[in-house]
Amino acid sequence: GTKGNVLDAIRCNQLEAEVIYACGPLPMLRAIKNYAAEKNMIC
């Protein structure tokens, strides 16, 4: 897949959604929370 993290994969594949469901290590969740706030997504 994409070299990097899950957000790199989302950006690299130009993915879009309305809601995020996530589970994983704290740094990943922190980055996803910030991404959701930036995109105004339910998370």
PDB file of all heavy atoms in Angstrom:
ATOM      1  N   GLY A   1       0.810  -1.213   0.000  1.00  0.00           N
ATOM      2  CA  GLY A   1       0.000   0.000   0.000  1.00  0.00           C
ATOM      3  C   GLY A   1       0.847   1.269   0.000  1.00  0.00           C
ATOM      4  O   GLY A   1       1.942   1.322  -0.565  1.00  0.00           O
ATOM      5  N   THR A   2       0.346   2.273   0.696  1.00  0.00           N
ATOM      6  CA  THR A   2       1.018   3.572   0.774  1.00  0.00           C
ATOM      7  C   THR A   2       2.127   3.542   1.823  1.00  0.00           C
ATOM      8  O   THR A   2       1.937   3.005   2.911  1.00  0.00           O
ATOM      9  CB  THR A   2      -0.001   4.664   1.147  1.00  0.00           C
ATOM     10  OG1 THR A   2      -1.037   4.698   0.157  1.00  0.00           O
ATOM     11  CG2 THR A   2       0.669   6.027   1.235  1.00  0.00           C
ATOM     12  N   LYS A   3       3.251   4.104   1.521  1.00  0.00           N
ATOM     13  CA  LYS A   3       4.314   4.228   2.515  1.00  0.00           C
ATOM     14  C   LYS A   3       3.955   5.370   3.457  1.00  0.00           C
ATOM     15  O   LYS A   3       3.746   6.514   3.025  1.00  0.00           O
ATOM     16  CB  LYS A   3       5.658   4.511   1.851  1.00  0.00           C
ATOM     17  CG  LYS A   3       6.806   4.595   2.850  1.00  0.00           C
ATOM     18  CD  LYS A   3       8.154   4.788   2.158  1.00  0.00           C
ATOM     19  CE  LYS A   3       9.282   4.835   3.180  1.00  0.00           C
ATOM     20  NZ  LYS A   3      10.607   4.988   2.546  1.00  0.00           N
ATOM     21  N   GLY A   4       3.840   5.059   4.736  1.00  0.00           N
ATOM     22  CA  GLY A   4       3.479   6.078   5.714  1.00  0.00           C
ATOM     23  C   GLY A   4       2.372   5.587   6.618  1.00  0.00           C
ATOM     24  O   GLY A   4       2.319   4.406   6.964  1.00  0.00           O
ATOM     25  N   ASN A   5       1.487   6.502   7.006  1.00  0.00           N
ATOM     26  CA  ASN A   5       0.424   6.142   7.945  1.00  0.00           C
ATOM     27  C   ASN A   5      -0.945   6.154   7.253  1.00  0.00           C
ATOM     28  O   ASN A   5      -1.042   6.398   6.043  1.00  0.00           O
ATOM     29  CB  ASN A   5       0.443   7.088   9.150  1.00  0.00           C
ATOM     30  CG  ASN A   5       0.288   8.556   8.749  1.00  0.00           C
ATOM     31  OD1 ASN A   5      -0.494   8.902   7.867  1.00  0.00           O
ATOM     32  ND2 ASN A   5       1.044   9.432   9.402  1.00  0.00           N
ATOM     33  N   VAL A   6      -1.990   5.925   8.034  1.00  0.00           N
ATOM     34  CA  VAL A   6      -3.335   5.799   7.462  1.00  0.00           C
ATOM     35  C   VAL A   6      -3.805   7.104   6.811  1.00  0.00           C
ATOM     36  O   VAL A   6      -4.503   7.072   5.790  1.00  0.00           O
ATOM     37  CB  VAL A   6      -4.345   5.325   8.522  1.00  0.00           C
ATOM     38  CG1 VAL A   6      -4.076   3.869   8.906  1.00  0.00           C
ATOM     39  CG2 VAL A   6      -4.325   6.237   9.760  1.00  0.00           C
ATOM     40  N   LEU A   7      -3.432   8.244   7.372  1.00  0.00           N
ATOM     41  CA  LEU A   7      -3.825   9.515   6.759  1.00  0.00           C
ATOM     42  C   LEU A   7      -3.080   9.742   5.442  1.00  0.00           C
ATOM     43  O   LEU A   7      -3.630  10.331   4.507  1.00  0.00           O
ATOM     44  CB  LEU A   7      -3.583  10.667   7.725  1.00  0.00           C
ATOM     45  CG  LEU A   7      -4.511  10.713   8.945  1.00  0.00           C
ATOM     46  CD1 LEU A   7      -4.157  11.901   9.839  1.00  0.00           C
ATOM     47  CD2 LEU A   7      -5.975  10.788   8.519  1.00  0.00           C
ATOM     48  N   ASP A   8      -1.852   9.256   5.373  1.00  0.00           N
ATOM     49  CA  ASP A   8      -1.131   9.320   4.095  1.00  0.00           C
ATOM     50  C   ASP A   8      -1.874   8.516   3.032  1.00  0.00           C
ATOM     51  O   ASP A   8      -1.965   8.932   1.874  1.00  0.00           O
ATOM     52  CB  ASP A   8       0.295   8.778   4.258  1.00  0.00           C
ATOM     53  CG  ASP A   8       1.166   9.659   5.129  1.00  0.00           C
ATOM     54  OD1 ASP A   8       0.995  10.895   5.073  1.00  0.00           O
ATOM     55  OD2 ASP A   8       2.006   9.115   5.878  1.00  0.00           O
ATOM     56  N   ALA A   9      -2.409   7.356   3.430  1.00  0.00           N
ATOM     57  CA  ALA A   9      -3.157   6.509   2.491  1.00  0.00           C
ATOM     58  C   ALA A   9      -4.429   7.205   2.025  1.00  0.00           C
ATOM     59  O   ALA A   9      -4.808   7.122   0.851  1.00  0.00           O
ATOM     60  CB  ALA A   9      -3.485   5.169   3.145  1.00  0.00           C
ATOM     61  N   ILE A  10      -5.104   7.886   2.951  1.00  0.00           N
ATOM     62  CA  ILE A  10      -6.325   8.617   2.585  1.00  0.00           C
ATOM     63  C   ILE A  10      -6.011   9.722   1.592  1.00  0.00           C
ATOM     64  O   ILE A  10      -6.681   9.881   0.562  1.00  0.00           O
ATOM     65  CB  ILE A  10      -6.992   9.193   3.843  1.00  0.00           C
ATOM     66  CG1 ILE A  10      -7.610   8.050   4.673  1.00  0.00           C
ATOM     67  CG2 ILE A  10      -8.065  10.215   3.484  1.00  0.00           C
ATOM     68  CD1 ILE A  10      -8.145   8.482   6.019  1.00  0.00           C
ATOM     69  N   ARG A  11      -4.971  10.477   1.869  1.00  0.00           N
ATOM     70  CA  ARG A  11      -4.617  11.599   1.001  1.00  0.00           C
ATOM     71  C   ARG A  11      -4.074  11.116  -0.347  1.00  0.00           C
ATOM     72  O   ARG A  11      -4.398  11.676  -1.396  1.00  0.00           O
ATOM     73  CB  ARG A  11      -3.594  12.493   1.701  1.00  0.00           C
ATOM     74  CG  ARG A  11      -4.139  13.167   2.962  1.00  0.00           C
ATOM     75  CD  ARG A  11      -3.122  14.110   3.571  1.00  0.00           C
ATOM     76  NE  ARG A  11      -3.638  14.801   4.742  1.00  0.00           N
ATOM     77  CZ  ARG A  11      -3.248  14.572   5.998  1.00  0.00           C
ATOM     78  NH1 ARG A  11      -2.304  13.661   6.247  1.00  0.00           N
ATOM     79  NH2 ARG A  11      -3.766  15.242   7.006  1.00  0.00           N
ATOM     80  N   CYS A  12      -3.246  10.074  -0.309  1.00  0.00           N
ATOM     81  CA  CYS A  12      -2.641   9.559  -1.527  1.00  0.00           C
ATOM     82  C   CYS A  12      -3.699   9.030  -2.491  1.00  0.00           C
ATOM     83  O   CYS A  12      -3.593   9.189  -3.712  1.00  0.00           O
ATOM     84  CB  CYS A  12      -1.646   8.455  -1.179  1.00  0.00           C
ATOM     85  SG  CYS A  12      -0.796   7.738  -2.608  1.00  0.00           S
ATOM     86  N   ASN A  13      -4.737   8.400  -1.927  1.00  0.00           N
ATOM     87  CA  ASN A  13      -5.804   7.831  -2.753  1.00  0.00           C
ATOM     88  C   ASN A  13      -6.987   8.776  -2.935  1.00  0.00           C
ATOM     89  O   ASN A  13      -8.004   8.394  -3.512  1.00  0.00           O
ATOM     90  CB  ASN A  13      -6.282   6.513  -2.139  1.00  0.00           C
ATOM     91  CG  ASN A  13      -5.247   5.416  -2.219  1.00  0.00           C
ATOM     92  OD1 ASN A  13      -5.060   4.807  -3.268  1.00  0.00           O
ATOM     93  ND2 ASN A  13      -4.552   5.169  -1.112  1.00  0.00           N
ATOM     94  N   GLN A  14      -6.861  10.000  -2.420  1.00  0.00           N
ATOM     95  CA  GLN A  14      -7.888  11.043  -2.557  1.00  0.00           C
ATOM     96  C   GLN A  14      -9.269  10.535  -2.116  1.00  0.00           C
ATOM     97  O   GLN A  14     -10.267  10.705  -2.811  1.00  0.00           O
ATOM     98  CB  GLN A  14      -7.935  11.552  -4.003  1.00  0.00           C
ATOM     99  CG  GLN A  14      -6.622  12.174  -4.460  1.00  0.00           C
ATOM    100  CD  GLN A  14      -6.673  12.706  -5.878  1.00  0.00           C
ATOM    101  OE1 GLN A  14      -7.304  12.117  -6.751  1.00  0.00           O
ATOM    102  NE2 GLN A  14      -6.022  13.842  -6.109  1.00  0.00           N
ATOM    103  N   LEU A  15      -9.294   9.929  -0.947  1.00  0.00           N
ATOM    104  CA  LEU A  15     -10.527   9.359  -0.432  1.00  0.00           C
ATOM    105  C   LEU A  15     -11.358  10.412   0.287  1.00  0.00           C
ATOM    106  O   LEU A  15     -10.818  11.351   0.889  1.00  0.00           O
ATOM    107  CB  LEU A  15     -10.207   8.208   0.537  1.00  0.00           C
ATOM    108  CG  LEU A  15      -9.314   7.085  -0.016  1.00  0.00           C
ATOM    109  CD1 LEU A  15      -9.076   6.028   1.049  1.00  0.00           C
ATOM    110  CD2 LEU A  15      -9.914   6.481  -1.271  1.00  0.00           C
ATOM    111  N   GLU A  16     -12.673  10.227   0.257  1.00  0.00           N
ATOM    112  CA  GLU A  16     -13.588  11.139   0.930  1.00  0.00           C
ATOM    113  C   GLU A  16     -14.666  10.340   1.651  1.00  0.00           C
ATOM    114  O   GLU A  16     -15.056   9.263   1.204  1.00  0.00           O
ATOM    115  CB  GLU A  16     -14.238  12.104  -0.066  1.00  0.00           C
ATOM    116  CG  GLU A  16     -13.268  13.054  -0.738  1.00  0.00           C
ATOM    117  CD  GLU A  16     -13.962  14.017  -1.688  1.00  0.00           C
ATOM    118  OE1 GLU A  16     -15.175  13.810  -1.951  1.00  0.00           O
ATOM    119  OE2 GLU A  16     -13.307  14.959  -2.157  1.00  0.00           O
ATOM    120  N   ALA A  17     -15.144  10.890   2.765  1.00  0.00           N
ATOM    121  CA  ALA A  17     -16.211  10.242   3.520  1.00  0.00           C
ATOM    122  C   ALA A  17     -16.911  11.287   4.381  1.00  0.00           C
ATOM    123  O   ALA A  17     -16.491  12.452   4.443  1.00  0.00           O
ATOM    124  CB  ALA A  17     -15.657   9.120   4.392  1.00  0.00           C
ATOM    125  N   GLU A  18     -17.989  10.848   5.052  1.00  0.00           N
ATOM    126  CA  GLU A  18     -18.754  11.736   5.929  1.00  0.00           C
ATOM    127  C   GLU A  18     -18.499  11.460   7.401  1.00  0.00           C
ATOM    128  O   GLU A  18     -18.678  12.336   8.243  1.00  0.00           O
ATOM    129  CB  GLU A  18     -20.247  11.573   5.644  1.00  0.00           C
ATOM    130  CG  GLU A  18     -20.665  11.916   4.238  1.00  0.00           C
ATOM    131  CD  GLU A  18     -22.097  11.513   3.969  1.00  0.00           C
ATOM    132  OE1 GLU A  18     -22.334  10.331   3.637  1.00  0.00           O
ATOM    133  OE2 GLU A  18     -22.994  12.383   4.097  1.00  0.00           O
ATOM    134  N   VAL A  19     -18.112  10.234   7.713  1.00  0.00           N
ATOM    135  CA  VAL A  19     -17.898   9.859   9.109  1.00  0.00           C
ATOM    136  C   VAL A  19     -16.667   8.972   9.206  1.00  0.00           C
ATOM    137  O   VAL A  19     -16.352   8.211   8.279  1.00  0.00           O
ATOM    138  CB  VAL A  19     -19.142   9.126   9.679  1.00  0.00           C
ATOM    139  CG1 VAL A  19     -19.442   7.861   8.889  1.00  0.00           C
ATOM    140  CG2 VAL A  19     -18.964   8.782  11.165  1.00  0.00           C
ATOM    141  N   ILE A  20     -15.959   9.108  10.323  1.00  0.00           N
ATOM    142  CA  ILE A  20     -14.773   8.292  10.585  1.00  0.00           C
ATOM    143  C   ILE A  20     -15.025   7.415  11.802  1.00  0.00           C
ATOM    144  O   ILE A  20     -15.542   7.874  12.829  1.00  0.00           O
ATOM    145  CB  ILE A  20     -13.535   9.166  10.870  1.00  0.00           C
ATOM    146  CG1 ILE A  20     -13.153   9.983   9.632  1.00  0.00           C
ATOM    147  CG2 ILE A  20     -12.344   8.307  11.310  1.00  0.00           C
ATOM    148  CD1 ILE A  20     -12.011  10.964   9.877  1.00  0.00           C
ATOM    149  N   TYR A  21     -14.660   6.145  11.675  1.00  0.00           N
ATOM    150  CA  TYR A  21     -14.594   5.227  12.811  1.00  0.00           C
ATOM    151  C   TYR A  21     -13.147   4.754  12.901  1.00  0.00           C
ATOM    152  O   TYR A  21     -12.586   4.288  11.904  1.00  0.00           O
ATOM    153  CB  TYR A  21     -15.483   4.001  12.602  1.00  0.00           C
ATOM    154  CG  TYR A  21     -16.952   4.287  12.395  1.00  0.00           C
ATOM    155  CD1 TYR A  21     -17.494   4.365  11.119  1.00  0.00           C
ATOM    156  CD2 TYR A  21     -17.809   4.431  13.479  1.00  0.00           C
ATOM    157  CE1 TYR A  21     -18.843   4.599  10.923  1.00  0.00           C
ATOM    158  CE2 TYR A  21     -19.164   4.665  13.300  1.00  0.00           C
ATOM    159  CZ  TYR A  21     -19.679   4.750  12.017  1.00  0.00           C
ATOM    160  OH  TYR A  21     -21.023   4.973  11.834  1.00  0.00           O
ATOM    161  N   ALA A  22     -12.532   4.867  14.085  1.00  0.00           N
ATOM    162  CA  ALA A  22     -11.106   4.544  14.168  1.00  0.00           C
ATOM    163  C   ALA A  22     -10.750   3.864  15.480  1.00  0.00           C
ATOM    164  O   ALA A  22     -11.344   4.132  16.522  1.00  0.00           O
ATOM    165  CB  ALA A  22     -10.271   5.810  14.006  1.00  0.00           C
ATOM    166  N   CYS A  23      -9.766   2.979  15.401  1.00  0.00           N
ATOM    167  CA  CYS A  23      -9.208   2.339  16.595  1.00  0.00           C
ATOM    168  C   CYS A  23      -7.736   2.081  16.331  1.00  0.00           C
ATOM    169  O   CYS A  23      -7.355   1.608  15.254  1.00  0.00           O
ATOM    170  CB  CYS A  23      -9.931   1.017  16.887  1.00  0.00           C
ATOM    171  SG  CYS A  23      -9.368   0.200  18.401  1.00  0.00           S
ATOM    172  N   GLY A  24      -6.914   2.412  17.329  1.00  0.00           N
ATOM    173  CA  GLY A  24      -5.487   2.210  17.156  1.00  0.00           C
ATOM    174  C   GLY A  24      -4.697   2.946  18.222  1.00  0.00           C
ATOM    175  O   GLY A  24      -5.255   3.435  19.213  1.00  0.00           O
ATOM    176  N   PRO A  25      -3.399   3.075  18.028  1.00  0.00           N
ATOM    177  CA  PRO A  25      -2.547   3.735  19.021  1.00  0.00           C
ATOM    178  C   PRO A  25      -2.886   5.219  19.145  1.00  0.00           C
ATOM    179  O   PRO A  25      -3.404   5.840  18.219  1.00  0.00           O
ATOM    180  CB  PRO A  25      -1.133   3.515  18.484  1.00  0.00           C
ATOM    181  CG  PRO A  25      -1.316   3.246  17.026  1.00  0.00           C
ATOM    182  CD  PRO A  25      -2.626   2.542  16.887  1.00  0.00           C
ATOM    183  N   LEU A  26      -2.562   5.784  20.300  1.00  0.00           N
ATOM    184  CA  LEU A  26      -2.930   7.164  20.607  1.00  0.00           C
ATOM    185  C   LEU A  26      -2.424   8.190  19.595  1.00  0.00           C
ATOM    186  O   LEU A  26      -3.191   9.080  19.200  1.00  0.00           O
ATOM    187  CB  LEU A  26      -2.454   7.523  22.024  1.00  0.00           C
ATOM    188  CG  LEU A  26      -3.008   8.813  22.621  1.00  0.00           C
ATOM    189  CD1 LEU A  26      -4.530   8.764  22.699  1.00  0.00           C
ATOM    190  CD2 LEU A  26      -2.409   9.053  24.007  1.00  0.00           C
ATOM    191  N   PRO A  27      -1.172   8.121  19.140  1.00  0.00           N
ATOM    192  CA  PRO A  27      -0.733   9.118  18.151  1.00  0.00           C
ATOM    193  C   PRO A  27      -1.582   9.083  16.880  1.00  0.00           C
ATOM    194  O   PRO A  27      -1.854  10.134  16.287  1.00  0.00           O
ATOM    195  CB  PRO A  27       0.721   8.716  17.881  1.00  0.00           C
ATOM    196  CG  PRO A  27       1.152   8.005  19.121  1.00  0.00           C
ATOM    197  CD  PRO A  27      -0.062   7.252  19.580  1.00  0.00           C
ATOM    198  N   MET A  28      -1.988   7.888  16.459  1.00  0.00           N
ATOM    199  CA  MET A  28      -2.845   7.769  15.281  1.00  0.00           C
ATOM    200  C   MET A  28      -4.200   8.410  15.532  1.00  0.00           C
ATOM    201  O   MET A  28      -4.709   9.168  14.700  1.00  0.00           O
ATOM    202  CB  MET A  28      -3.027   6.291  14.902  1.00  0.00           C
ATOM    203  CG  MET A  28      -3.797   6.081  13.614  1.00  0.00           C
ATOM    204  SD  MET A  28      -4.341   4.364  13.358  1.00  0.00           S
ATOM    205  CE  MET A  28      -5.955   4.418  14.185  1.00  0.00           C
ATOM    206  N   LEU A  29      -4.798   8.141  16.694  1.00  0.00           N
ATOM    207  CA  LEU A  29      -6.106   8.701  17.014  1.00  0.00           C
ATOM    208  C   LEU A  29      -6.040  10.220  17.127  1.00  0.00           C
ATOM    209  O   LEU A  29      -6.971  10.923  16.714  1.00  0.00           O
ATOM    210  CB  LEU A  29      -6.631   8.097  18.319  1.00  0.00           C
ATOM    211  CG  LEU A  29      -6.922   6.590  18.310  1.00  0.00           C
ATOM    212  CD1 LEU A  29      -7.457   6.154  19.662  1.00  0.00           C
ATOM    213  CD2 LEU A  29      -7.894   6.214  17.203  1.00  0.00           C
ATOM    214  N   ARG A  30      -4.957  10.725  17.683  1.00  0.00           N
ATOM    215  CA  ARG A  30      -4.795  12.182  17.811  1.00  0.00           C
ATOM    216  C   ARG A  30      -4.746  12.831  16.428  1.00  0.00           C
ATOM    217  O   ARG A  30      -5.397  13.856  16.178  1.00  0.00           O
ATOM    218  CB  ARG A  30      -3.524  12.489  18.592  1.00  0.00           C
ATOM    219  CG  ARG A  30      -3.323  13.973  18.881  1.00  0.00           C
ATOM    220  CD  ARG A  30      -2.046  14.219  19.654  1.00  0.00           C
ATOM    221  NE  ARG A  30      -2.079  13.592  20.966  1.00  0.00           N
ATOM    222  CZ  ARG A  30      -1.246  12.622  21.356  1.00  0.00           C
ATOM    223  NH1 ARG A  30      -0.326  12.159  20.519  1.00  0.00           N
ATOM    224  NH2 ARG A  30      -1.334  12.113  22.557  1.00  0.00           N
ATOM    225  N   ALA A  31      -4.011  12.216  15.514  1.00  0.00           N
ATOM    226  CA  ALA A  31      -3.908  12.758  14.160  1.00  0.00           C
ATOM    227  C   ALA A  31      -5.251  12.672  13.432  1.00  0.00           C
ATOM    228  O   ALA A  31      -5.633  13.595  12.704  1.00  0.00           O
ATOM    229  CB  ALA A  31      -2.831  11.998  13.379  1.00  0.00           C
ATOM    230  N   ILE A  32      -5.983  11.590  13.656  1.00  0.00           N
ATOM    231  CA  ILE A  32      -7.291  11.424  13.018  1.00  0.00           C
ATOM    232  C   ILE A  32      -8.291  12.437  13.575  1.00  0.00           C
ATOM    233  O   ILE A  32      -9.101  13.007  12.830  1.00  0.00           O
ATOM    234  CB  ILE A  32      -7.797   9.982  13.210  1.00  0.00           C
ATOM    235  CG1 ILE A  32      -6.962   9.027  12.349  1.00  0.00           C
ATOM    236  CG2 ILE A  32      -9.282   9.859  12.851  1.00  0.00           C
ATOM    237  CD1 ILE A  32      -7.224   7.567  12.621  1.00  0.00           C
ATOM    238  N   LYS A  33      -8.242  12.673  14.874  1.00  0.00           N
ATOM    239  CA  LYS A  33      -9.127  13.678  15.473  1.00  0.00           C
ATOM    240  C   LYS A  33      -8.878  15.045  14.838  1.00  0.00           C
ATOM    241  O   LYS A  33      -9.832  15.765  14.489  1.00  0.00           O
ATOM    242  CB  LYS A  33      -8.902  13.743  16.987  1.00  0.00           C
ATOM    243  CG  LYS A  33      -9.723  14.833  17.667  1.00  0.00           C
ATOM    244  CD  LYS A  33      -9.436  14.932  19.159  1.00  0.00           C
ATOM    245  CE  LYS A  33     -10.210  16.094  19.775  1.00  0.00           C
ATOM    246  NZ  LYS A  33      -9.966  16.218  21.229  1.00  0.00           N
ATOM    247  N   ASN A  34      -7.624  15.411  14.681  1.00  0.00           N
ATOM    248  CA  ASN A  34      -7.287  16.704  14.073  1.00  0.00           C
ATOM    249  C   ASN A  34      -7.730  16.758  12.611  1.00  0.00           C
ATOM    250  O   ASN A  34      -8.236  17.784  12.141  1.00  0.00           O
ATOM    251  CB  ASN A  34      -5.782  16.959  14.184  1.00  0.00           C
ATOM    252  CG  ASN A  34      -5.328  17.171  15.619  1.00  0.00           C
ATOM    253  OD1 ASN A  34      -6.119  17.556  16.474  1.00  0.00           O
ATOM    254  ND2 ASN A  34      -4.061  16.920  15.881  1.00  0.00           N
ATOM    255  N   TYR A  35      -7.558  15.649  11.896  1.00  0.00           N
ATOM    256  CA  TYR A  35      -7.975  15.577  10.498  1.00  0.00           C
ATOM    257  C   TYR A  35      -9.486  15.748  10.389  1.00  0.00           C
ATOM    258  O   TYR A  35      -9.982  16.489   9.526  1.00  0.00           O
ATOM    259  CB  TYR A  35      -7.545  14.239   9.914  1.00  0.00           C
ATOM    260  CG  TYR A  35      -8.055  13.965   8.513  1.00  0.00           C
ATOM    261  CD1 TYR A  35      -7.368  14.442   7.400  1.00  0.00           C
ATOM    262  CD2 TYR A  35      -9.208  13.220   8.311  1.00  0.00           C
ATOM    263  CE1 TYR A  35      -7.831  14.196   6.108  1.00  0.00           C
ATOM    264  CE2 TYR A  35      -9.681  12.972   7.030  1.00  0.00           C
ATOM    265  CZ  TYR A  35      -8.987  13.447   5.931  1.00  0.00           C
ATOM    266  OH  TYR A  35      -9.463  13.200   4.665  1.00  0.00           O
ATOM    267  N   ALA A  36     -10.240  15.069  11.269  1.00  0.00           N
ATOM    268  CA  ALA A  36     -11.708  15.157  11.251  1.00  0.00           C
ATOM    269  C   ALA A  36     -12.176  16.584  11.531  1.00  0.00           C
ATOM    270  O   ALA A  36     -13.113  17.081  10.903  1.00  0.00           O
ATOM    271  CB  ALA A  36     -12.300  14.193  12.269  1.00  0.00           C
ATOM    272  N   ALA A  37     -11.515  17.248  12.478  1.00  0.00           N
ATOM    273  CA  ALA A  37     -11.880  18.633  12.796  1.00  0.00           C
ATOM    274  C   ALA A  37     -11.603  19.550  11.610  1.00  0.00           C
ATOM    275  O   ALA A  37     -12.403  20.435  11.282  1.00  0.00           O
ATOM    276  CB  ALA A  37     -11.106  19.102  14.026  1.00  0.00           C
ATOM    277  N   GLU A  38     -10.480  19.313  10.958  1.00  0.00           N
ATOM    278  CA  GLU A  38     -10.102  20.118   9.786  1.00  0.00           C
ATOM    279  C   GLU A  38     -11.117  19.948   8.650  1.00  0.00           C
ATOM    280  O   GLU A  38     -11.459  20.909   7.949  1.00  0.00           O
ATOM    281  CB  GLU A  38      -8.712  19.690   9.317  1.00  0.00           C
ATOM    282  CG  GLU A  38      -8.241  20.334   8.034  1.00  0.00           C
ATOM    283  CD  GLU A  38      -6.975  19.678   7.515  1.00  0.00           C
ATOM    284  OE1 GLU A  38      -6.179  19.180   8.338  1.00  0.00           O
ATOM    285  OE2 GLU A  38      -6.780  19.657   6.289  1.00  0.00           O
ATOM    286  N   LYS A  39     -11.620  18.712   8.488  1.00  0.00           N
ATOM    287  CA  LYS A  39     -12.549  18.402   7.402  1.00  0.00           C
ATOM    288  C   LYS A  39     -14.015  18.527   7.831  1.00  0.00           C
ATOM    289  O   LYS A  39     -14.916  18.268   7.028  1.00  0.00           O
ATOM    290  CB  LYS A  39     -12.304  16.969   6.901  1.00  0.00           C
ATOM    291  CG  LYS A  39     -10.906  16.727   6.340  1.00  0.00           C
ATOM    292  CD  LYS A  39     -10.689  17.490   5.058  1.00  0.00           C
ATOM    293  CE  LYS A  39      -9.330  17.142   4.452  1.00  0.00           C
ATOM    294  NZ  LYS A  39      -9.097  17.875   3.179  1.00  0.00           N
ATOM    295  N   ASN A  40     -14.243  18.897   9.107  1.00  0.00           N
ATOM    296  CA  ASN A  40     -15.601  19.022   9.634  1.00  0.00           C
ATOM    297  C   ASN A  40     -16.370  17.708   9.508  1.00  0.00           C
ATOM    298  O   ASN A  40     -17.521  17.668   9.059  1.00  0.00           O
ATOM    299  CB  ASN A  40     -16.362  20.150   8.935  1.00  0.00           C
ATOM    300  CG  ASN A  40     -17.599  20.569   9.703  1.00  0.00           C
ATOM    301  OD1 ASN A  40     -17.664  20.456  10.930  1.00  0.00           O
ATOM    302  ND2 ASN A  40     -18.614  21.045   8.998  1.00  0.00           N
ATOM    303  N   MET A  41     -15.723  16.612   9.919  1.00  0.00           N
ATOM    304  CA  MET A  41     -16.313  15.276   9.816  1.00  0.00           C
ATOM    305  C   MET A  41     -16.714  14.749  11.190  1.00  0.00           C
ATOM    306  O   MET A  41     -16.056  15.051  12.197  1.00  0.00           O
ATOM    307  CB  MET A  41     -15.312  14.297   9.184  1.00  0.00           C
ATOM    308  CG  MET A  41     -14.932  14.620   7.762  1.00  0.00           C
ATOM    309  SD  MET A  41     -13.635  13.506   7.154  1.00  0.00           S
ATOM    310  CE  MET A  41     -14.537  11.947   7.120  1.00  0.00           C
ATOM    311  N   ILE A  42     -17.757  13.954  11.237  1.00  0.00           N
ATOM    312  CA  ILE A  42     -18.097  13.206  12.448  1.00  0.00           C
ATOM    313  C   ILE A  42     -17.007  12.162  12.652  1.00  0.00           C
ATOM    314  O   ILE A  42     -16.590  11.492  11.700  1.00  0.00           O
ATOM    315  CB  ILE A  42     -19.460  12.510  12.302  1.00  0.00           C
ATOM    316  CG1 ILE A  42     -20.562  13.516  11.987  1.00  0.00           C
ATOM    317  CG2 ILE A  42     -19.805  11.728  13.570  1.00  0.00           C
ATOM    318  CD1 ILE A  42     -21.861  12.869  11.547  1.00  0.00           C
ATOM    319  N   CYS A  43     -16.537  12.009  13.883  1.00  0.00           N
ATOM    320  CA  CYS A  43     -15.430  11.085  14.135  1.00  0.00           C
ATOM    321  C   CYS A  43     -15.629  10.343  15.452  1.00  0.00           C
ATOM    322  O   CYS A  43     -15.780  10.968  16.506  1.00  0.00           O
ATOM    323  CB  CYS A  43     -14.108  11.854  14.158  1.00  0.00           C
ATOM    324  SG  CYS A  43     -12.652  10.823  14.438  1.00  0.00           S
TER     325      CYS A  43
END
